[in-house]
Amino acid sequence: ARAITFRPTITDGPFSTDPLLWRTILDNLINNAIDYSPRGSTITIKATPERLLVRNPAPNLEEPDLEKIAHRFWRKEHSRNSLKHSGLGLPIVLGYSSLLGGKCEFSLTPAGELQVEILWTAS
């Protein structure tokens, strides 16, 4: 209904993880990307045994927001608050990534896209 396009790239390789934590990370990242991207956006997902990257347009985010983006209950615009988003999704991603031995990084691309990258050691 919102004309969102997904551009996934998946590289095969050995990968072992906790399925519940992994699914929660994916659900939070993909659902946030869908819900916060403008209509007609493209969401990029790249997965390898060493890395997960989710990138989506984020026209309202600015560089200073990245310091707060993974704080519990933080949201850029309080007027967009809804029952659907509690402001806990990205803090959960950050915490679960750490529990799995990974490192989660948030950045903005020059094109104004939010990029969430989780790096871990292949197993």
C-alpha atoms as a PDB file:
ATOM      1  CA  ALA A   1       0.000   0.000   0.000  1.00  0.00           C
ATOM      2  CA  ARG A   2       2.976   2.343   0.572  1.00  0.00           C
ATOM      3  CA  ALA A   3       4.926   1.182  -2.492  1.00  0.00           C
ATOM      4  CA  ILE A   4       8.002   0.166  -0.487  1.00  0.00           C
ATOM      5  CA  THR A   5      10.636  -1.749  -2.461  1.00  0.00           C
ATOM      6  CA  PHE A   6      13.053  -4.166  -0.818  1.00  0.00           C
ATOM      7  CA  ARG A   7      16.547  -4.677  -2.187  1.00  0.00           C
ATOM      8  CA  PRO A   8      17.970  -7.728  -0.359  1.00  0.00           C
ATOM      9  CA  THR A   9      21.431  -9.186  -0.903  1.00  0.00           C
ATOM     10  CA  ILE A  10      22.261 -12.339   1.034  1.00  0.00           C
ATOM     11  CA  THR A  11      25.645 -14.061   0.947  1.00  0.00           C
ATOM     12  CA  ASP A  12      25.693 -17.699   2.018  1.00  0.00           C
ATOM     13  CA  GLY A  13      28.051 -18.895   4.692  1.00  0.00           C
ATOM     14  CA  PRO A  14      28.186 -20.443   8.155  1.00  0.00           C
ATOM     15  CA  PHE A  15      26.202 -18.567  10.754  1.00  0.00           C
ATOM     16  CA  SER A  16      25.077 -19.696  14.196  1.00  0.00           C
ATOM     17  CA  THR A  17      22.903 -17.586  16.483  1.00  0.00           C
ATOM     18  CA  ASP A  18      20.037 -17.579  18.931  1.00  0.00           C
ATOM     19  CA  PRO A  19      16.927 -17.731  16.708  1.00  0.00           C
ATOM     20  CA  LEU A  20      14.705 -15.674  19.039  1.00  0.00           C
ATOM     21  CA  LEU A  21      17.205 -12.829  19.431  1.00  0.00           C
ATOM     22  CA  TRP A  22      18.026 -12.901  15.704  1.00  0.00           C
ATOM     23  CA  ARG A  23      14.342 -12.749  14.698  1.00  0.00           C
ATOM     24  CA  THR A  24      13.721  -9.869  17.125  1.00  0.00           C
ATOM     25  CA  ILE A  25      16.642  -7.915  15.642  1.00  0.00           C
ATOM     26  CA  LEU A  26      15.371  -8.468  12.093  1.00  0.00           C
ATOM     27  CA  ASP A  27      11.751  -7.681  12.990  1.00  0.00           C
ATOM     28  CA  ASN A  28      12.686  -4.420  14.698  1.00  0.00           C
ATOM     29  CA  LEU A  29      15.015  -3.219  11.943  1.00  0.00           C
ATOM     30  CA  ILE A  30      12.735  -4.109   9.047  1.00  0.00           C
ATOM     31  CA  ASN A  31       9.530  -2.863  10.685  1.00  0.00           C
ATOM     32  CA  ASN A  32      11.175   0.445  11.638  1.00  0.00           C
ATOM     33  CA  ALA A  33      12.505   0.835   8.103  1.00  0.00           C
ATOM     34  CA  ILE A  34       9.037   0.245   6.651  1.00  0.00           C
ATOM     35  CA  ASP A  35       7.173   2.458   9.103  1.00  0.00           C
ATOM     36  CA  TYR A  36       9.555   5.422   9.048  1.00  0.00           C
ATOM     37  CA  SER A  37      10.410   5.494   5.330  1.00  0.00           C
ATOM     38  CA  PRO A  38       8.461   7.794   3.036  1.00  0.00           C
ATOM     39  CA  ARG A  39       6.034   6.313   0.522  1.00  0.00           C
ATOM     40  CA  GLY A  40       7.808   4.846  -2.509  1.00  0.00           C
ATOM     41  CA  SER A  41      11.087   4.238  -0.664  1.00  0.00           C
ATOM     42  CA  THR A  42      13.639   1.505  -1.219  1.00  0.00           C
ATOM     43  CA  ILE A  43      14.925  -0.462   1.771  1.00  0.00           C
ATOM     44  CA  THR A  44      18.301  -2.141   1.357  1.00  0.00           C
ATOM     45  CA  ILE A  45      19.135  -5.279   3.325  1.00  0.00           C
ATOM     46  CA  LYS A  46      22.558  -6.917   3.083  1.00  0.00           C
ATOM     47  CA  ALA A  47      23.399 -10.038   5.056  1.00  0.00           C
ATOM     48  CA  THR A  48      26.622 -12.032   5.186  1.00  0.00           C
ATOM     49  CA  PRO A  49      28.034 -14.343   7.863  1.00  0.00           C
ATOM     50  CA  GLU A  50      29.946 -11.318   9.236  1.00  0.00           C
ATOM     51  CA  ARG A  51      27.469  -8.473   8.803  1.00  0.00           C
ATOM     52  CA  LEU A  52      23.846  -7.362   8.661  1.00  0.00           C
ATOM     53  CA  LEU A  53      23.036  -3.985   7.159  1.00  0.00           C
ATOM     54  CA  VAL A  54      19.612  -2.345   6.867  1.00  0.00           C
ATOM     55  CA  ARG A  55      19.412   1.039   5.125  1.00  0.00           C
ATOM     56  CA  ASN A  56      16.323   3.169   4.531  1.00  0.00           C
ATOM     57  CA  PRO A  57      15.484   6.788   3.753  1.00  0.00           C
ATOM     58  CA  ALA A  58      15.265   8.908   6.907  1.00  0.00           C
ATOM     59  CA  PRO A  59      14.618  12.467   5.731  1.00  0.00           C
ATOM     60  CA  ASN A  60      13.908  13.813   9.225  1.00  0.00           C
ATOM     61  CA  LEU A  61      16.997  12.438  10.971  1.00  0.00           C
ATOM     62  CA  GLU A  62      20.086  14.546  11.501  1.00  0.00           C
ATOM     63  CA  GLU A  63      23.594  13.626  12.614  1.00  0.00           C
ATOM     64  CA  PRO A  64      23.038  14.718  16.266  1.00  0.00           C
ATOM     65  CA  ASP A  65      20.046  12.345  16.450  1.00  0.00           C
ATOM     66  CA  LEU A  66      22.372   9.347  16.073  1.00  0.00           C
ATOM     67  CA  GLU A  67      23.658   9.890  19.626  1.00  0.00           C
ATOM     68  CA  LYS A  68      20.106   9.403  20.948  1.00  0.00           C
ATOM     69  CA  ILE A  69      18.576   6.996  18.442  1.00  0.00           C
ATOM     70  CA  ALA A  70      19.229   3.900  20.565  1.00  0.00           C
ATOM     71  CA  HIS A  71      18.167   5.484  23.860  1.00  0.00           C
ATOM     72  CA  ARG A  72      15.086   3.901  25.359  1.00  0.00           C
ATOM     73  CA  PHE A  73      11.849   5.742  24.525  1.00  0.00           C
ATOM     74  CA  TRP A  74      13.573   8.351  22.329  1.00  0.00           C
ATOM     75  CA  ARG A  75      11.707   9.414  19.217  1.00  0.00           C
ATOM     76  CA  LYS A  76      12.579  12.277  16.892  1.00  0.00           C
ATOM     77  CA  GLU A  77       9.047  13.601  16.670  1.00  0.00           C
ATOM     78  CA  HIS A  78       6.773  13.156  19.645  1.00  0.00           C
ATOM     79  CA  SER A  79       3.817  14.099  17.441  1.00  0.00           C
ATOM     80  CA  ARG A  80       4.326  10.789  15.588  1.00  0.00           C
ATOM     81  CA  ASN A  81       4.009   8.765  18.783  1.00  0.00           C
ATOM     82  CA  SER A  82       1.647   5.866  18.451  1.00  0.00           C
ATOM     83  CA  LEU A  83       0.822   2.636  20.153  1.00  0.00           C
ATOM     84  CA  LYS A  84       2.776   0.875  17.394  1.00  0.00           C
ATOM     85  CA  HIS A  85       6.160   2.362  18.352  1.00  0.00           C
ATOM     86  CA  SER A  86       7.328   2.635  21.937  1.00  0.00           C
ATOM     87  CA  GLY A  87      10.870   3.848  21.266  1.00  0.00           C
ATOM     88  CA  LEU A  88      12.310   0.495  22.372  1.00  0.00           C
ATOM     89  CA  GLY A  89      13.028  -1.197  19.012  1.00  0.00           C
ATOM     90  CA  LEU A  90      16.505   0.159  18.343  1.00  0.00           C
ATOM     91  CA  PRO A  91      17.649  -0.144  21.974  1.00  0.00           C
ATOM     92  CA  ILE A  92      16.579  -3.800  21.794  1.00  0.00           C
ATOM     93  CA  VAL A  93      18.546  -4.230  18.541  1.00  0.00           C
ATOM     94  CA  LEU A  94      21.602  -2.685  20.198  1.00  0.00           C
ATOM     95  CA  GLY A  95      21.298  -4.875  23.298  1.00  0.00           C
ATOM     96  CA  TYR A  96      20.576  -8.135  21.484  1.00  0.00           C
ATOM     97  CA  SER A  97      23.421  -7.509  19.036  1.00  0.00           C
ATOM     98  CA  SER A  98      25.756  -7.155  21.989  1.00  0.00           C
ATOM     99  CA  LEU A  99      24.390 -10.322  23.611  1.00  0.00           C
ATOM    100  CA  LEU A 100      25.163 -12.177  20.379  1.00  0.00           C
ATOM    101  CA  GLY A 101      28.743 -10.852  20.378  1.00  0.00           C
ATOM    102  CA  GLY A 102      28.144  -8.237  17.718  1.00  0.00           C
ATOM    103  CA  LYS A 103      28.657  -4.515  17.410  1.00  0.00           C
ATOM    104  CA  CYS A 104      25.750  -2.322  16.252  1.00  0.00           C
ATOM    105  CA  GLU A 105      26.454   0.994  14.536  1.00  0.00           C
ATOM    106  CA  PHE A 106      24.072   3.729  13.377  1.00  0.00           C
ATOM    107  CA  SER A 107      24.995   6.209  10.660  1.00  0.00           C
ATOM    108  CA  LEU A 108      23.481   8.535   8.083  1.00  0.00           C
ATOM    109  CA  THR A 109      24.506   8.276   4.456  1.00  0.00           C
ATOM    110  CA  PRO A 110      25.105  11.416   2.357  1.00  0.00           C
ATOM    111  CA  ALA A 111      21.737  10.659   0.699  1.00  0.00           C
ATOM    112  CA  GLY A 112      19.942  11.001   4.059  1.00  0.00           C
ATOM    113  CA  GLU A 113      19.430   7.309   4.724  1.00  0.00           C
ATOM    114  CA  LEU A 114      19.640   5.690   8.134  1.00  0.00           C
ATOM    115  CA  GLN A 115      22.082   2.808   8.048  1.00  0.00           C
ATOM    116  CA  VAL A 116      22.087   0.240  10.830  1.00  0.00           C
ATOM    117  CA  GLU A 117      24.998  -2.173  10.615  1.00  0.00           C
ATOM    118  CA  ILE A 118      25.650  -5.122  12.883  1.00  0.00           C
ATOM    119  CA  LEU A 119      29.107  -6.679  12.670  1.00  0.00           C
ATOM    120  CA  TRP A 120      29.961 -10.019  14.232  1.00  0.00           C
ATOM    121  CA  THR A 121      32.449 -12.814  13.961  1.00  0.00           C
ATOM    122  CA  ALA A 122      31.447 -15.644  11.643  1.00  0.00           C
ATOM    123  CA  SER A 123      30.992 -18.948  13.435  1.00  0.00           C
END
